[in-house]
Amino acid sequence: MKKQAGIWIDHKEAFVVFVDEGHRPEFGIEKHVHFTGHSSGHAGQADDQRDRQLAAHLGTYYDEVIAQVGAADSIFIIGPGEAKGELEKRLASKGMGAKVVGVETADKMTDHQVAARVRQHFEK
C-alpha cells in the first residue's frame, strides 16, 4: 500500500496526517522569534540579521516536518499562508518535489478537518 501524507502548515504549527496509519504528530515554533544580544547602529543591518536568523529557524522547522513525511510516497500540502509554498520549495530542494501531489490554500482547521480533507484528496 502506498503511504500517503497530508500536511496542514503555517509558520506556527504543522499537522501531519498519514492516511494509511491515522497517525498525526504535531510540531510548532513561535511565529515571532525574538533574537537578543546583537545591537547595531544600523537598523537595516539588524533587520537583515533577524531575517537571516528567522529564515534559518524556519528551515529547521521545515526539516522537522519533512523528516516526518520522508517515507511517504505522496504528499498533499495545505495551509493559509506562505508556509505551504516554502515547504514545497524545501521538499524540492531535498529531491522530494515529485512526491508533492497537490498544494491548496486552507484556513485554520481542526485536526479532524485536516484529516478529513487529506483523506478526501487521496480518495479522488
N, C-alpha and C. Protein backbone atom coordinates (compact mmCIF):
# COMPACT_ATOMS: atom_id res chain seq x y z
N MET A 1 0.83 -1.18 0.00
CA MET A 1 0.00 0.00 0.00
C MET A 1 0.88 1.25 0.00
N LYS A 2 0.50 2.22 -0.82
CA LYS A 2 1.25 3.47 -0.87
C LYS A 2 1.02 4.25 0.41
N LYS A 3 2.08 4.88 0.87
CA LYS A 3 1.98 5.71 2.06
C LYS A 3 1.68 7.14 1.61
N GLN A 4 0.53 7.66 2.05
CA GLN A 4 0.09 8.99 1.66
C GLN A 4 0.08 9.90 2.88
N ALA A 5 0.66 11.10 2.72
CA ALA A 5 0.74 12.03 3.84
C ALA A 5 0.12 13.37 3.44
N GLY A 6 -0.53 13.98 4.40
CA GLY A 6 -1.07 15.32 4.22
C GLY A 6 -0.50 16.21 5.30
N ILE A 7 -0.23 17.47 4.95
CA ILE A 7 0.34 18.41 5.90
C ILE A 7 -0.48 19.70 5.86
N TRP A 8 -0.98 20.12 7.02
CA TRP A 8 -1.52 21.47 7.16
C TRP A 8 -0.41 22.24 7.85
N ILE A 9 -0.01 23.39 7.27
CA ILE A 9 1.13 24.10 7.83
C ILE A 9 0.95 25.61 7.75
N ASP A 10 1.42 26.28 8.78
CA ASP A 10 1.64 27.72 8.75
C ASP A 10 2.98 27.95 9.45
N HIS A 11 3.33 29.18 9.74
CA HIS A 11 4.63 29.45 10.35
C HIS A 11 4.67 29.12 11.84
N LYS A 12 3.53 28.79 12.43
CA LYS A 12 3.48 28.47 13.85
C LYS A 12 3.41 26.98 14.12
N GLU A 13 2.70 26.25 13.28
CA GLU A 13 2.49 24.83 13.57
C GLU A 13 2.23 24.05 12.30
N ALA A 14 2.41 22.74 12.43
CA ALA A 14 2.13 21.84 11.31
C ALA A 14 1.43 20.61 11.87
N PHE A 15 0.46 20.10 11.12
CA PHE A 15 -0.22 18.86 11.46
C PHE A 15 0.02 17.89 10.31
N VAL A 16 0.57 16.75 10.63
CA VAL A 16 0.88 15.74 9.62
C VAL A 16 -0.09 14.58 9.81
N VAL A 17 -0.73 14.18 8.72
CA VAL A 17 -1.69 13.08 8.74
C VAL A 17 -1.24 12.03 7.75
N PHE A 18 -1.15 10.79 8.20
CA PHE A 18 -0.86 9.67 7.31
C PHE A 18 -2.16 8.94 7.08
N VAL A 19 -2.61 8.87 5.86
CA VAL A 19 -3.90 8.27 5.53
C VAL A 19 -3.93 6.80 5.89
N ASP A 20 -2.85 6.08 5.65
CA ASP A 20 -2.86 4.64 5.89
C ASP A 20 -2.59 4.27 7.35
N GLU A 21 -2.16 5.23 8.16
CA GLU A 21 -1.84 4.93 9.54
C GLU A 21 -2.74 5.64 10.54
N GLY A 22 -3.34 6.75 10.14
CA GLY A 22 -4.13 7.53 11.08
C GLY A 22 -3.28 8.19 12.15
N HIS A 23 -2.00 8.39 11.87
CA HIS A 23 -1.05 8.95 12.83
C HIS A 23 -0.86 10.43 12.55
N ARG A 24 -0.84 11.26 13.58
CA ARG A 24 -0.73 12.69 13.38
C ARG A 24 0.20 13.31 14.42
N PRO A 25 1.51 13.32 14.17
CA PRO A 25 2.38 14.05 15.08
C PRO A 25 2.18 15.56 14.90
N GLU A 26 2.47 16.33 15.91
CA GLU A 26 2.34 17.78 15.83
C GLU A 26 3.68 18.43 16.12
N PHE A 27 3.93 19.56 15.45
CA PHE A 27 5.13 20.34 15.68
C PHE A 27 4.73 21.79 15.85
N GLY A 28 5.60 22.59 16.41
CA GLY A 28 5.30 24.01 16.50
C GLY A 28 6.53 24.84 16.73
N ILE A 29 6.49 26.05 16.24
CA ILE A 29 7.51 27.04 16.57
C ILE A 29 6.77 28.34 16.83
N GLU A 30 7.43 29.25 17.47
CA GLU A 30 6.85 30.56 17.68
C GLU A 30 6.87 31.32 16.35
N LYS A 31 5.80 32.00 16.05
CA LYS A 31 5.72 32.75 14.80
C LYS A 31 6.69 33.92 14.80
N HIS A 32 6.75 34.63 15.92
CA HIS A 32 7.65 35.78 16.02
C HIS A 32 8.80 35.39 16.93
N VAL A 33 9.93 35.15 16.34
CA VAL A 33 11.11 34.75 17.09
C VAL A 33 11.88 36.02 17.42
N HIS A 34 12.19 36.18 18.70
CA HIS A 34 12.94 37.37 19.13
C HIS A 34 14.38 36.97 19.38
N PHE A 35 15.29 37.66 18.76
CA PHE A 35 16.71 37.39 18.93
C PHE A 35 17.32 38.57 19.66
N THR A 36 18.09 38.30 20.70
CA THR A 36 18.68 39.36 21.50
C THR A 36 20.19 39.23 21.51
N GLY A 37 20.83 40.25 22.04
CA GLY A 37 22.27 40.18 22.21
C GLY A 37 23.06 40.87 21.13
N HIS A 38 22.44 41.27 20.06
CA HIS A 38 23.14 41.94 18.97
C HIS A 38 22.50 43.29 18.75
N SER A 39 23.26 44.33 18.99
CA SER A 39 22.76 45.66 18.68
C SER A 39 23.65 46.26 17.62
N SER A 40 23.07 47.08 16.82
CA SER A 40 23.82 47.67 15.72
C SER A 40 23.36 49.11 15.56
N GLY A 41 24.27 49.94 15.15
CA GLY A 41 23.94 51.33 14.89
C GLY A 41 23.13 51.48 13.62
N HIS A 42 23.09 50.45 12.80
CA HIS A 42 22.37 50.49 11.54
C HIS A 42 21.16 49.57 11.61
N ALA A 43 19.99 50.17 11.65
CA ALA A 43 18.76 49.38 11.79
C ALA A 43 18.60 48.41 10.64
N GLY A 44 18.97 48.77 9.43
CA GLY A 44 18.84 47.89 8.28
C GLY A 44 19.66 46.64 8.43
N GLN A 45 20.87 46.78 8.98
CA GLN A 45 21.71 45.60 9.19
C GLN A 45 21.11 44.69 10.25
N ALA A 46 20.55 45.26 11.31
CA ALA A 46 19.92 44.45 12.35
C ALA A 46 18.71 43.70 11.78
N ASP A 47 17.92 44.38 10.95
CA ASP A 47 16.78 43.73 10.32
C ASP A 47 17.22 42.59 9.43
N ASP A 48 18.28 42.79 8.66
CA ASP A 48 18.80 41.73 7.79
C ASP A 48 19.24 40.53 8.62
N GLN A 49 19.90 40.80 9.73
CA GLN A 49 20.37 39.71 10.59
C GLN A 49 19.18 38.93 11.16
N ARG A 50 18.15 39.64 11.62
CA ARG A 50 16.96 38.96 12.15
C ARG A 50 16.28 38.16 11.06
N ASP A 51 16.20 38.70 9.85
CA ASP A 51 15.60 37.97 8.73
C ASP A 51 16.36 36.69 8.44
N ARG A 52 17.68 36.76 8.45
CA ARG A 52 18.50 35.56 8.20
C ARG A 52 18.30 34.52 9.31
N GLN A 53 18.23 35.00 10.56
CA GLN A 53 18.03 34.08 11.67
C GLN A 53 16.65 33.42 11.60
N LEU A 54 15.63 34.20 11.25
CA LEU A 54 14.29 33.64 11.12
C LEU A 54 14.25 32.62 9.98
N ALA A 55 14.89 32.94 8.86
CA ALA A 55 14.93 32.02 7.73
C ALA A 55 15.60 30.70 8.13
N ALA A 56 16.69 30.79 8.89
CA ALA A 56 17.37 29.58 9.35
C ALA A 56 16.48 28.79 10.29
N HIS A 57 15.77 29.49 11.17
CA HIS A 57 14.87 28.84 12.12
C HIS A 57 13.73 28.14 11.38
N LEU A 58 13.15 28.81 10.39
CA LEU A 58 12.08 28.19 9.60
C LEU A 58 12.61 26.99 8.81
N GLY A 59 13.84 27.09 8.32
CA GLY A 59 14.44 25.96 7.61
C GLY A 59 14.52 24.73 8.50
N THR A 60 14.91 24.92 9.75
CA THR A 60 14.97 23.82 10.71
C THR A 60 13.57 23.25 10.96
N TYR A 61 12.60 24.14 11.10
CA TYR A 61 11.20 23.74 11.30
C TYR A 61 10.71 22.91 10.12
N TYR A 62 10.94 23.39 8.90
CA TYR A 62 10.51 22.64 7.71
C TYR A 62 11.21 21.29 7.64
N ASP A 63 12.49 21.24 8.01
CA ASP A 63 13.22 19.97 8.00
C ASP A 63 12.62 18.97 8.99
N GLU A 64 12.12 19.46 10.14
CA GLU A 64 11.46 18.57 11.11
C GLU A 64 10.19 17.97 10.50
N VAL A 65 9.43 18.81 9.80
CA VAL A 65 8.21 18.32 9.16
C VAL A 65 8.56 17.32 8.06
N ILE A 66 9.56 17.64 7.25
CA ILE A 66 9.99 16.76 6.16
C ILE A 66 10.45 15.41 6.70
N ALA A 67 11.12 15.43 7.84
CA ALA A 67 11.59 14.17 8.44
C ALA A 67 10.41 13.26 8.77
N GLN A 68 9.27 13.83 9.12
CA GLN A 68 8.10 13.03 9.46
C GLN A 68 7.43 12.43 8.23
N VAL A 69 7.56 13.06 7.06
CA VAL A 69 6.89 12.57 5.85
C VAL A 69 7.87 11.99 4.84
N GLY A 70 9.11 11.83 5.23
CA GLY A 70 10.13 11.37 4.31
C GLY A 70 9.85 10.02 3.66
N ALA A 71 9.17 9.14 4.37
CA ALA A 71 8.88 7.80 3.84
C ALA A 71 7.60 7.77 3.01
N ALA A 72 6.90 8.89 2.93
CA ALA A 72 5.64 8.93 2.18
C ALA A 72 5.91 8.86 0.68
N ASP A 73 5.00 8.20 -0.03
CA ASP A 73 5.09 8.13 -1.49
C ASP A 73 4.47 9.36 -2.14
N SER A 74 3.47 9.95 -1.47
CA SER A 74 2.83 11.16 -1.99
C SER A 74 2.47 12.08 -0.83
N ILE A 75 2.60 13.39 -1.09
CA ILE A 75 2.41 14.40 -0.05
C ILE A 75 1.46 15.48 -0.57
N PHE A 76 0.44 15.78 0.22
CA PHE A 76 -0.53 16.83 -0.08
C PHE A 76 -0.34 17.92 0.97
N ILE A 77 -0.15 19.18 0.53
CA ILE A 77 0.14 20.28 1.45
C ILE A 77 -1.00 21.29 1.41
N ILE A 78 -1.48 21.68 2.58
CA ILE A 78 -2.50 22.72 2.68
C ILE A 78 -2.12 23.70 3.78
N GLY A 79 -2.63 24.92 3.68
CA GLY A 79 -2.37 25.91 4.71
C GLY A 79 -2.80 27.29 4.26
N PRO A 80 -2.82 28.25 5.19
CA PRO A 80 -3.37 29.56 4.90
C PRO A 80 -2.40 30.57 4.27
N GLY A 81 -1.12 30.43 4.46
CA GLY A 81 -0.20 31.48 4.04
C GLY A 81 0.95 30.99 3.19
N GLU A 82 2.09 31.62 3.38
CA GLU A 82 3.27 31.34 2.58
C GLU A 82 3.98 30.06 2.95
N ALA A 83 3.75 29.56 4.14
CA ALA A 83 4.49 28.39 4.62
C ALA A 83 4.32 27.18 3.71
N LYS A 84 3.13 26.99 3.14
CA LYS A 84 2.91 25.81 2.30
C LYS A 84 3.80 25.86 1.06
N GLY A 85 3.94 27.03 0.45
CA GLY A 85 4.81 27.18 -0.71
C GLY A 85 6.28 27.06 -0.33
N GLU A 86 6.63 27.59 0.83
CA GLU A 86 8.02 27.48 1.31
C GLU A 86 8.37 26.02 1.58
N LEU A 87 7.43 25.28 2.16
CA LEU A 87 7.66 23.86 2.41
C LEU A 87 7.79 23.10 1.10
N GLU A 88 6.96 23.42 0.12
CA GLU A 88 7.04 22.76 -1.18
C GLU A 88 8.42 22.99 -1.81
N LYS A 89 8.92 24.22 -1.73
CA LYS A 89 10.26 24.53 -2.26
C LYS A 89 11.34 23.77 -1.50
N ARG A 90 11.17 23.67 -0.18
CA ARG A 90 12.15 22.95 0.64
C ARG A 90 12.16 21.46 0.27
N LEU A 91 10.98 20.89 0.05
CA LEU A 91 10.89 19.49 -0.39
C LEU A 91 11.60 19.31 -1.73
N ALA A 92 11.39 20.24 -2.65
CA ALA A 92 12.04 20.16 -3.97
C ALA A 92 13.55 20.23 -3.82
N SER A 93 14.04 21.09 -2.93
CA SER A 93 15.48 21.23 -2.75
C SER A 93 16.11 19.98 -2.14
N LYS A 94 15.29 19.15 -1.50
CA LYS A 94 15.76 17.90 -0.90
C LYS A 94 15.52 16.71 -1.83
N GLY A 95 15.12 16.99 -3.08
CA GLY A 95 14.89 15.92 -4.05
C GLY A 95 13.56 15.20 -3.86
N MET A 96 12.64 15.83 -3.14
CA MET A 96 11.35 15.20 -2.86
C MET A 96 10.20 15.92 -3.55
N GLY A 97 10.49 16.82 -4.46
CA GLY A 97 9.46 17.60 -5.13
C GLY A 97 8.45 16.76 -5.89
N ALA A 98 8.89 15.64 -6.44
CA ALA A 98 7.99 14.77 -7.22
C ALA A 98 6.94 14.09 -6.34
N LYS A 99 7.18 14.04 -5.04
CA LYS A 99 6.22 13.42 -4.12
C LYS A 99 5.02 14.33 -3.84
N VAL A 100 5.17 15.63 -4.10
CA VAL A 100 4.09 16.57 -3.82
C VAL A 100 3.02 16.42 -4.89
N VAL A 101 1.81 16.03 -4.46
CA VAL A 101 0.71 15.78 -5.40
C VAL A 101 -0.32 16.90 -5.40
N GLY A 102 -0.14 17.88 -4.54
CA GLY A 102 -1.07 18.99 -4.51
C GLY A 102 -0.72 19.98 -3.42
N VAL A 103 -1.03 21.25 -3.68
CA VAL A 103 -0.86 22.32 -2.71
C VAL A 103 -2.11 23.19 -2.80
N GLU A 104 -2.80 23.37 -1.67
CA GLU A 104 -4.03 24.15 -1.66
C GLU A 104 -4.07 25.11 -0.49
N THR A 105 -4.76 26.21 -0.68
CA THR A 105 -4.96 27.18 0.38
C THR A 105 -6.13 26.74 1.25
N ALA A 106 -5.93 26.81 2.56
CA ALA A 106 -6.99 26.46 3.51
C ALA A 106 -6.77 27.26 4.79
N ASP A 107 -7.85 27.77 5.35
CA ASP A 107 -7.77 28.50 6.61
C ASP A 107 -7.45 27.54 7.75
N LYS A 108 -7.41 28.09 8.95
CA LYS A 108 -7.17 27.27 10.14
C LYS A 108 -8.22 26.17 10.20
N MET A 109 -7.77 24.96 10.50
CA MET A 109 -8.66 23.80 10.54
C MET A 109 -8.38 23.01 11.81
N THR A 110 -9.39 22.30 12.29
CA THR A 110 -9.19 21.39 13.42
C THR A 110 -8.43 20.16 12.91
N ASP A 111 -7.92 19.39 13.84
CA ASP A 111 -7.21 18.16 13.47
C ASP A 111 -8.11 17.24 12.65
N HIS A 112 -9.37 17.12 13.06
CA HIS A 112 -10.30 16.24 12.35
C HIS A 112 -10.60 16.77 10.95
N GLN A 113 -10.70 18.09 10.80
CA GLN A 113 -10.94 18.68 9.48
C GLN A 113 -9.74 18.44 8.56
N VAL A 114 -8.54 18.56 9.11
CA VAL A 114 -7.34 18.30 8.31
C VAL A 114 -7.34 16.86 7.84
N ALA A 115 -7.58 15.93 8.76
CA ALA A 115 -7.59 14.51 8.41
C ALA A 115 -8.65 14.22 7.34
N ALA A 116 -9.84 14.81 7.49
CA ALA A 116 -10.91 14.58 6.51
C ALA A 116 -10.54 15.15 5.15
N ARG A 117 -9.92 16.35 5.13
CA ARG A 117 -9.54 16.97 3.86
C ARG A 117 -8.45 16.16 3.17
N VAL A 118 -7.51 15.64 3.92
CA VAL A 118 -6.43 14.82 3.34
C VAL A 118 -7.01 13.52 2.78
N ARG A 119 -7.86 12.87 3.54
CA ARG A 119 -8.50 11.63 3.04
C ARG A 119 -9.29 11.91 1.77
N GLN A 120 -10.05 13.00 1.77
CA GLN A 120 -10.84 13.39 0.61
C GLN A 120 -9.95 13.59 -0.62
N HIS A 121 -8.81 14.24 -0.42
CA HIS A 121 -7.90 14.47 -1.55
C HIS A 121 -7.40 13.16 -2.14
N PHE A 122 -7.01 12.23 -1.30
CA PHE A 122 -6.44 10.97 -1.78
C PHE A 122 -7.51 9.99 -2.28
N GLU A 123 -8.76 10.20 -1.95
CA GLU A 123 -9.83 9.34 -2.45
C GLU A 123 -10.20 9.67 -3.89
N LYS A 124 -9.79 10.83 -4.37
CA LYS A 124 -10.12 11.24 -5.75
C LYS A 124 -9.54 10.27 -6.75
